[in-house]
């Protein structure tokens, strides 16, 4: 996270900014540093009403359980901050991209291995994550709905640090939409947008939201684009050196064993496809990426 410290910005203010961002998956999935590569930012971020209405329409509430609908609508009906992050396009194998969307702890653990973040991101269930950002933010995130074009996340969290006298609690809804297409060179282009609805509780929520809105917007915009660049670079590395990436998986100490094995398996398939297609790139309609069946509809995993 220190990679994004602005010149002249105090540690106190930076801690405040990063801690409150940690109220939701924005921190778990959107923070960190990434090498520069050829990802393209196609639009600027926005908080327009038309973008907000479009994002709400895209959420398939009718295909969710009543409990899930209640959680989602509670945020949509009373959000404090809305932001659509920049539309961004990268080259990435479709199966790999979907896997990384559903298991963001893999990215966080790679960043930890690189020494660019102290965040912890642990899987607590088939669709649930617990994150701690290291500066006062503690969060629980759930994948409510997902297919290879749309993922809807719900998160709850709190921040408690030296800047605020009382803990700040909140909930968020994230809507990640992705389309895959072939580039002229034959590689797969993943074009993604991420809509964030953040509800901040406590009596000072309005003031906090007004203060944080421009900070959250700028920071989240930047971090989303940088994260997409990182995903593209990871894909490039895997296509060139899949066995090396598989070996790295054993150094990612925070991964659950089943997630580590899934990462090893998908990295192997990405490498095999790239080698088989060389010098062509992997196509968007590769068999492993063609299934658009959602992983969650109205069935809630047992024990919840």
Protein backbone atom coordinates (compact mmCIF):
# COMPACT_ATOMS: atom_id res chain seq x y z
CA UNK A 1 0.00 0.00 0.00
CA UNK A 2 2.92 2.33 0.57
CA UNK A 3 3.42 2.19 -3.18
CA UNK A 4 0.49 4.59 -3.55
CA UNK A 5 1.56 7.22 -1.04
CA UNK A 6 1.35 10.63 -2.63
CA UNK A 7 4.24 13.11 -2.30
CA UNK A 8 3.80 15.15 0.86
CA UNK A 9 0.95 13.00 2.16
CA UNK A 10 1.20 12.35 5.89
CA UNK A 11 1.18 8.82 7.27
CA UNK A 12 -1.82 9.83 9.40
CA UNK A 13 -3.90 10.92 6.39
CA UNK A 14 -2.77 7.96 4.31
CA UNK A 15 -3.73 5.55 7.09
CA UNK A 16 -7.15 7.18 7.30
CA UNK A 17 -7.67 6.90 3.55
CA UNK A 18 -6.54 3.29 3.27
CA UNK A 19 -8.31 2.15 6.41
CA UNK A 20 -11.71 3.42 5.29
CA UNK A 21 -11.26 1.94 1.84
CA UNK A 22 -10.83 -1.33 3.70
CA UNK A 23 -14.54 -1.32 4.52
CA UNK A 24 -15.12 -3.51 1.49
CA UNK A 25 -13.49 -5.72 -1.11
CA UNK A 26 -12.09 -2.63 -2.75
CA UNK A 27 -9.11 -3.05 -0.45
CA UNK A 28 -8.90 -6.81 -0.78
CA UNK A 29 -9.09 -6.75 -4.53
CA UNK A 30 -8.05 -3.32 -5.69
CA UNK A 31 -5.02 -2.25 -3.66
CA UNK A 32 -1.37 -2.96 -4.22
CA UNK A 33 1.27 -2.21 -6.82
CA UNK A 34 1.71 -3.73 -10.24
CA UNK A 35 4.33 -3.64 -12.98
CA UNK A 36 3.56 -1.46 -15.99
CA UNK A 37 2.33 -3.24 -19.11
CA UNK A 38 -0.04 -2.70 -22.05
CA UNK A 39 -3.44 -2.65 -20.34
CA UNK A 40 -5.67 0.08 -21.71
CA UNK A 41 -7.86 2.41 -19.70
CA UNK A 42 -10.77 3.06 -22.05
CA UNK A 43 -12.80 5.51 -19.95
CA UNK A 44 -12.46 7.64 -16.86
CA UNK A 45 -14.18 6.74 -13.61
CA UNK A 46 -17.60 8.24 -13.00
CA UNK A 47 -20.31 8.64 -10.38
CA UNK A 48 -23.04 9.62 -12.82
CA UNK A 49 -26.69 8.72 -12.30
CA UNK A 50 -26.87 6.97 -15.67
CA UNK A 51 -23.94 4.72 -14.76
CA UNK A 52 -25.48 3.97 -11.35
CA UNK A 53 -28.86 3.09 -12.85
CA UNK A 54 -27.24 0.85 -15.45
CA UNK A 55 -25.26 -0.99 -12.78
CA UNK A 56 -28.34 -1.59 -10.64
CA UNK A 57 -30.24 -2.92 -13.65
CA UNK A 58 -27.43 -5.39 -14.35
CA UNK A 59 -27.76 -7.07 -10.93
CA UNK A 60 -29.86 -10.26 -11.32
CA UNK A 61 -31.78 -9.94 -8.06
CA UNK A 62 -34.49 -12.29 -9.32
CA UNK A 63 -31.94 -15.12 -9.39
CA UNK A 64 -30.81 -14.63 -5.78
CA UNK A 65 -32.13 -15.98 -2.51
CA UNK A 66 -34.37 -13.70 -0.46
CA UNK A 67 -31.57 -13.30 2.07
CA UNK A 68 -29.13 -12.25 -0.64
CA UNK A 69 -31.66 -9.87 -2.17
CA UNK A 70 -32.21 -8.24 1.22
CA UNK A 71 -28.48 -7.63 1.73
CA UNK A 72 -27.97 -6.23 -1.74
CA UNK A 73 -31.02 -3.95 -1.75
CA UNK A 74 -30.21 -2.61 1.73
CA UNK A 75 -27.03 -1.13 0.26
CA UNK A 76 -28.52 -0.04 -3.07
CA UNK A 77 -31.36 1.79 -1.34
CA UNK A 78 -29.15 3.68 1.11
CA UNK A 79 -25.62 3.92 -0.26
CA UNK A 80 -23.25 6.69 0.82
CA UNK A 81 -20.81 6.51 -2.11
CA UNK A 82 -21.22 5.24 -5.67
CA UNK A 83 -18.40 4.91 -8.18
CA UNK A 84 -17.88 3.21 -11.54
CA UNK A 85 -14.19 2.57 -11.98
CA UNK A 86 -12.53 3.07 -15.38
CA UNK A 87 -13.43 0.64 -18.14
CA UNK A 88 -10.18 -1.27 -18.63
CA UNK A 89 -9.05 -3.76 -21.26
CA UNK A 90 -6.31 -6.35 -20.85
CA UNK A 91 -5.08 -9.48 -22.59
CA UNK A 92 -5.82 -12.55 -20.45
CA UNK A 93 -6.93 -16.15 -20.83
CA UNK A 94 -10.67 -16.28 -20.08
CA UNK A 95 -10.54 -19.16 -17.62
CA UNK A 96 -7.60 -17.57 -15.80
CA UNK A 97 -9.36 -14.22 -15.56
CA UNK A 98 -12.53 -15.75 -14.12
CA UNK A 99 -10.49 -17.77 -11.63
CA UNK A 100 -8.65 -14.69 -10.36
CA UNK A 101 -11.94 -12.79 -10.02
CA UNK A 102 -13.33 -15.55 -7.82
CA UNK A 103 -10.15 -16.16 -5.83
CA UNK A 104 -8.63 -12.69 -5.28
CA UNK A 105 -6.61 -14.04 -2.36
CA UNK A 106 -4.22 -15.49 -4.97
CA UNK A 107 -3.38 -11.97 -6.14
CA UNK A 108 -3.08 -10.70 -2.56
CA UNK A 109 -0.72 -13.55 -1.63
CA UNK A 110 1.47 -12.86 -4.67
CA UNK A 111 1.66 -9.21 -3.61
CA UNK A 112 2.60 -10.33 -0.09
CA UNK A 113 5.34 -12.51 -1.56
CA UNK A 114 6.56 -9.49 -3.54
CA UNK A 115 6.54 -7.39 -0.37
CA UNK A 116 4.14 -4.73 -1.69
CA UNK A 117 1.33 -5.26 0.82
CA UNK A 118 0.77 -6.48 4.37
CA UNK A 119 -2.87 -7.31 3.78
CA UNK A 120 -4.19 -10.71 4.81
CA UNK A 121 -6.94 -12.38 2.81
CA UNK A 122 -8.21 -15.77 4.00
CA UNK A 123 -10.96 -17.95 2.58
CA UNK A 124 -13.57 -18.83 5.18
CA UNK A 125 -16.01 -20.72 2.93
CA UNK A 126 -16.65 -21.71 -0.68
CA UNK A 127 -17.75 -18.16 -1.51
CA UNK A 128 -16.50 -16.16 1.51
CA UNK A 129 -13.34 -14.25 2.37
CA UNK A 130 -12.04 -12.49 5.48
CA UNK A 131 -9.55 -9.66 4.98
CA UNK A 132 -7.44 -7.47 7.25
CA UNK A 133 -5.67 -4.55 5.61
CA UNK A 134 -3.11 -3.98 8.36
CA UNK A 135 -4.14 -0.36 9.06
CA UNK A 136 -7.39 -0.90 10.96
CA UNK A 137 -9.74 -2.33 8.37
CA UNK A 138 -11.39 -5.74 8.91
CA UNK A 139 -13.76 -7.07 6.27
CA UNK A 140 -15.85 -10.06 5.26
CA UNK A 141 -16.68 -10.52 1.59
CA UNK A 142 -19.10 -12.88 -0.13
CA UNK A 143 -19.47 -13.78 -3.79
CA UNK A 144 -23.25 -13.61 -4.16
CA UNK A 145 -23.50 -14.37 -7.88
CA UNK A 146 -21.03 -15.17 -10.62
CA UNK A 147 -20.62 -16.33 -14.19
CA UNK A 148 -17.87 -15.57 -16.69
CA UNK A 149 -19.45 -12.21 -17.56
CA UNK A 150 -20.80 -10.96 -14.24
CA UNK A 151 -19.75 -11.18 -10.59
CA UNK A 152 -21.66 -9.59 -7.71
CA UNK A 153 -19.93 -9.30 -4.33
CA UNK A 154 -21.31 -8.21 -0.97
CA UNK A 155 -19.02 -7.06 1.81
CA UNK A 156 -19.24 -5.90 5.42
CA UNK A 157 -16.45 -4.30 7.37
CA UNK A 158 -15.21 -1.83 9.90
CA UNK A 159 -12.34 0.58 10.39
CA UNK A 160 -10.90 1.61 13.71
CA UNK A 161 -7.75 3.67 13.87
CA UNK A 162 -6.04 6.74 15.31
CA UNK A 163 -7.91 9.20 13.10
CA UNK A 164 -11.47 8.37 14.18
CA UNK A 165 -12.62 8.21 17.80
CA UNK A 166 -15.25 5.56 17.08
CA UNK A 167 -15.21 2.59 14.70
CA UNK A 168 -16.77 3.18 11.29
CA UNK A 169 -18.88 0.30 9.96
CA UNK A 170 -20.18 -0.23 6.49
CA UNK A 171 -21.40 -2.55 3.77
CA UNK A 172 -20.72 -2.60 0.05
CA UNK A 173 -21.91 -4.14 -3.19
CA UNK A 174 -19.48 -4.63 -6.07
CA UNK A 175 -20.65 -5.36 -9.60
CA UNK A 176 -17.88 -6.60 -11.91
CA UNK A 177 -18.86 -6.96 -15.57
CA UNK A 178 -16.56 -8.45 -18.19
CA UNK A 179 -16.74 -9.17 -21.91
CA UNK A 180 -14.23 -11.26 -23.86
CA UNK A 181 -13.27 -10.72 -27.49
CA UNK A 182 -10.51 -11.66 -29.88
CA UNK A 183 -7.84 -9.12 -30.70
CA UNK A 184 -6.47 -8.84 -34.27
CA UNK A 185 -3.41 -10.77 -33.08
CA UNK A 186 -5.57 -13.64 -31.81
CA UNK A 187 -5.17 -13.03 -28.08
CA UNK A 188 -8.15 -12.69 -25.75
CA UNK A 189 -9.17 -9.20 -24.66
CA UNK A 190 -10.99 -8.91 -21.32
CA UNK A 191 -12.88 -5.62 -21.02
CA UNK A 192 -14.07 -4.95 -17.47
CA UNK A 193 -15.92 -2.36 -15.44
CA UNK A 194 -16.44 -2.37 -11.68
CA UNK A 195 -19.30 -0.53 -9.96
CA UNK A 196 -19.00 0.14 -6.21
CA UNK A 197 -21.87 0.95 -3.86
CA UNK A 198 -20.60 1.75 -0.36
CA UNK A 199 -22.89 2.32 2.62
CA UNK A 200 -21.25 3.95 5.63
CA UNK A 201 -23.02 3.72 8.97
CA UNK A 202 -22.81 5.91 12.11
CA UNK A 203 -24.23 9.39 12.68
CA UNK A 204 -21.43 11.08 10.77
CA UNK A 205 -21.86 8.91 7.67
CA UNK A 206 -22.89 11.84 5.48
CA UNK A 207 -19.88 13.91 6.46
CA UNK A 208 -17.53 10.97 6.10
CA UNK A 209 -18.95 10.15 2.67
CA UNK A 210 -18.63 13.76 1.50
CA UNK A 211 -15.02 13.83 2.69
CA UNK A 212 -14.08 10.45 1.30
CA UNK A 213 -15.87 10.50 -2.05
CA UNK A 214 -13.12 12.23 -4.08
CA UNK A 215 -10.40 10.28 -2.26
CA UNK A 216 -12.11 6.94 -2.77
CA UNK A 217 -12.78 7.77 -6.41
CA UNK A 218 -9.24 8.71 -7.35
CA UNK A 219 -7.62 5.93 -5.35
CA UNK A 220 -9.98 3.19 -6.50
CA UNK A 221 -9.70 4.29 -10.14
CA UNK A 222 -5.93 4.13 -10.03
CA UNK A 223 -5.77 0.86 -8.14
CA UNK A 224 -8.27 -0.89 -10.41
CA UNK A 225 -6.28 -0.02 -13.54
CA UNK A 226 -3.01 -1.04 -11.86
CA UNK A 227 -4.53 -4.32 -10.70
CA UNK A 228 -5.71 -5.11 -14.22
CA UNK A 229 -2.18 -4.48 -15.43
CA UNK A 230 -0.93 -6.92 -12.83
CA UNK A 231 -3.42 -9.58 -13.94
CA UNK A 232 -2.22 -9.18 -17.52
CA UNK A 233 1.40 -9.49 -16.47
CA UNK A 234 0.61 -12.61 -14.44
CA UNK A 235 -1.15 -14.09 -17.46
CA UNK A 236 1.84 -13.32 -19.69
CA UNK A 237 4.22 -14.92 -17.19
CA UNK A 238 2.04 -18.02 -16.89
CA UNK A 239 1.82 -18.47 -20.65
CA UNK A 240 5.61 -18.26 -20.92
CA UNK A 241 6.55 -20.14 -17.76
CA UNK A 242 3.63 -22.08 -16.36
CA UNK A 243 5.82 -24.51 -14.36
CA UNK A 244 7.52 -21.56 -12.68
CA UNK A 245 4.17 -20.04 -11.66
CA UNK A 246 3.06 -23.43 -10.36
CA UNK A 247 6.21 -23.62 -8.27
CA UNK A 248 5.54 -20.14 -6.90
CA UNK A 249 2.11 -21.34 -5.73
CA UNK A 250 3.77 -23.38 -2.98
CA UNK A 251 5.30 -20.19 -1.56
CA UNK A 252 1.90 -18.52 -1.18
CA UNK A 253 1.50 -19.49 2.46
CA UNK A 254 -1.88 -17.87 3.04
CA UNK A 255 -3.76 -19.92 0.44
CA UNK A 256 -6.10 -22.69 1.49
CA UNK A 257 -4.78 -26.04 0.14
CA UNK A 258 -7.72 -26.45 -2.24
CA UNK A 259 -7.25 -22.93 -3.62
CA UNK A 260 -3.53 -23.51 -4.09
CA UNK A 261 -4.23 -26.72 -6.01
CA UNK A 262 -6.87 -24.99 -8.13
CA UNK A 263 -4.35 -22.23 -8.94
CA UNK A 264 -1.74 -24.81 -9.91
CA UNK A 265 -4.25 -26.61 -12.13
CA UNK A 266 -5.52 -23.52 -13.93
CA UNK A 267 -1.97 -22.20 -14.44
CA UNK A 268 -1.09 -25.51 -16.06
CA UNK A 269 -4.04 -25.31 -18.45
CA UNK A 270 -3.21 -21.71 -19.37
CA UNK A 271 0.38 -22.71 -20.10
CA UNK A 272 -0.68 -25.75 -22.14
CA UNK A 273 -3.11 -23.72 -24.25
CA UNK A 274 -0.50 -21.04 -24.88
CA UNK A 275 2.10 -23.59 -25.94
CA UNK A 276 -0.35 -25.42 -28.19
CA UNK A 277 -1.43 -22.17 -29.85
CA UNK A 278 2.05 -20.69 -30.27
CA UNK A 279 2.75 -18.42 -32.02
CA UNK A 280 -0.95 -17.59 -31.86
CA UNK A 281 -2.55 -16.37 -28.63
CA UNK A 282 -5.29 -18.16 -26.71
CA UNK A 283 -8.76 -17.62 -28.17
CA UNK A 284 -11.69 -16.24 -26.20
CA UNK A 285 -13.80 -19.27 -27.11
CA UNK A 286 -11.37 -21.81 -25.64
CA UNK A 287 -13.41 -24.78 -24.32
CA UNK A 288 -12.41 -24.25 -20.71
CA UNK A 289 -13.82 -20.72 -20.77
CA UNK A 290 -17.01 -21.34 -22.75
CA UNK A 291 -19.30 -22.37 -19.87
CA UNK A 292 -21.37 -19.40 -18.83
CA UNK A 293 -23.39 -21.25 -16.19
CA UNK A 294 -23.54 -19.11 -13.05
CA UNK A 295 -21.90 -20.60 -9.98
CA UNK A 296 -24.65 -19.24 -7.74
CA UNK A 297 -28.38 -18.85 -8.26
CA UNK A 298 -30.94 -19.47 -5.54
CA UNK A 299 -29.11 -22.30 -3.80
CA UNK A 300 -27.23 -21.26 -0.69
CA UNK A 301 -24.37 -23.53 0.49
CA UNK A 302 -25.24 -25.75 3.44
CA UNK A 303 -24.65 -24.45 6.94
CA UNK A 304 -25.57 -20.83 6.13
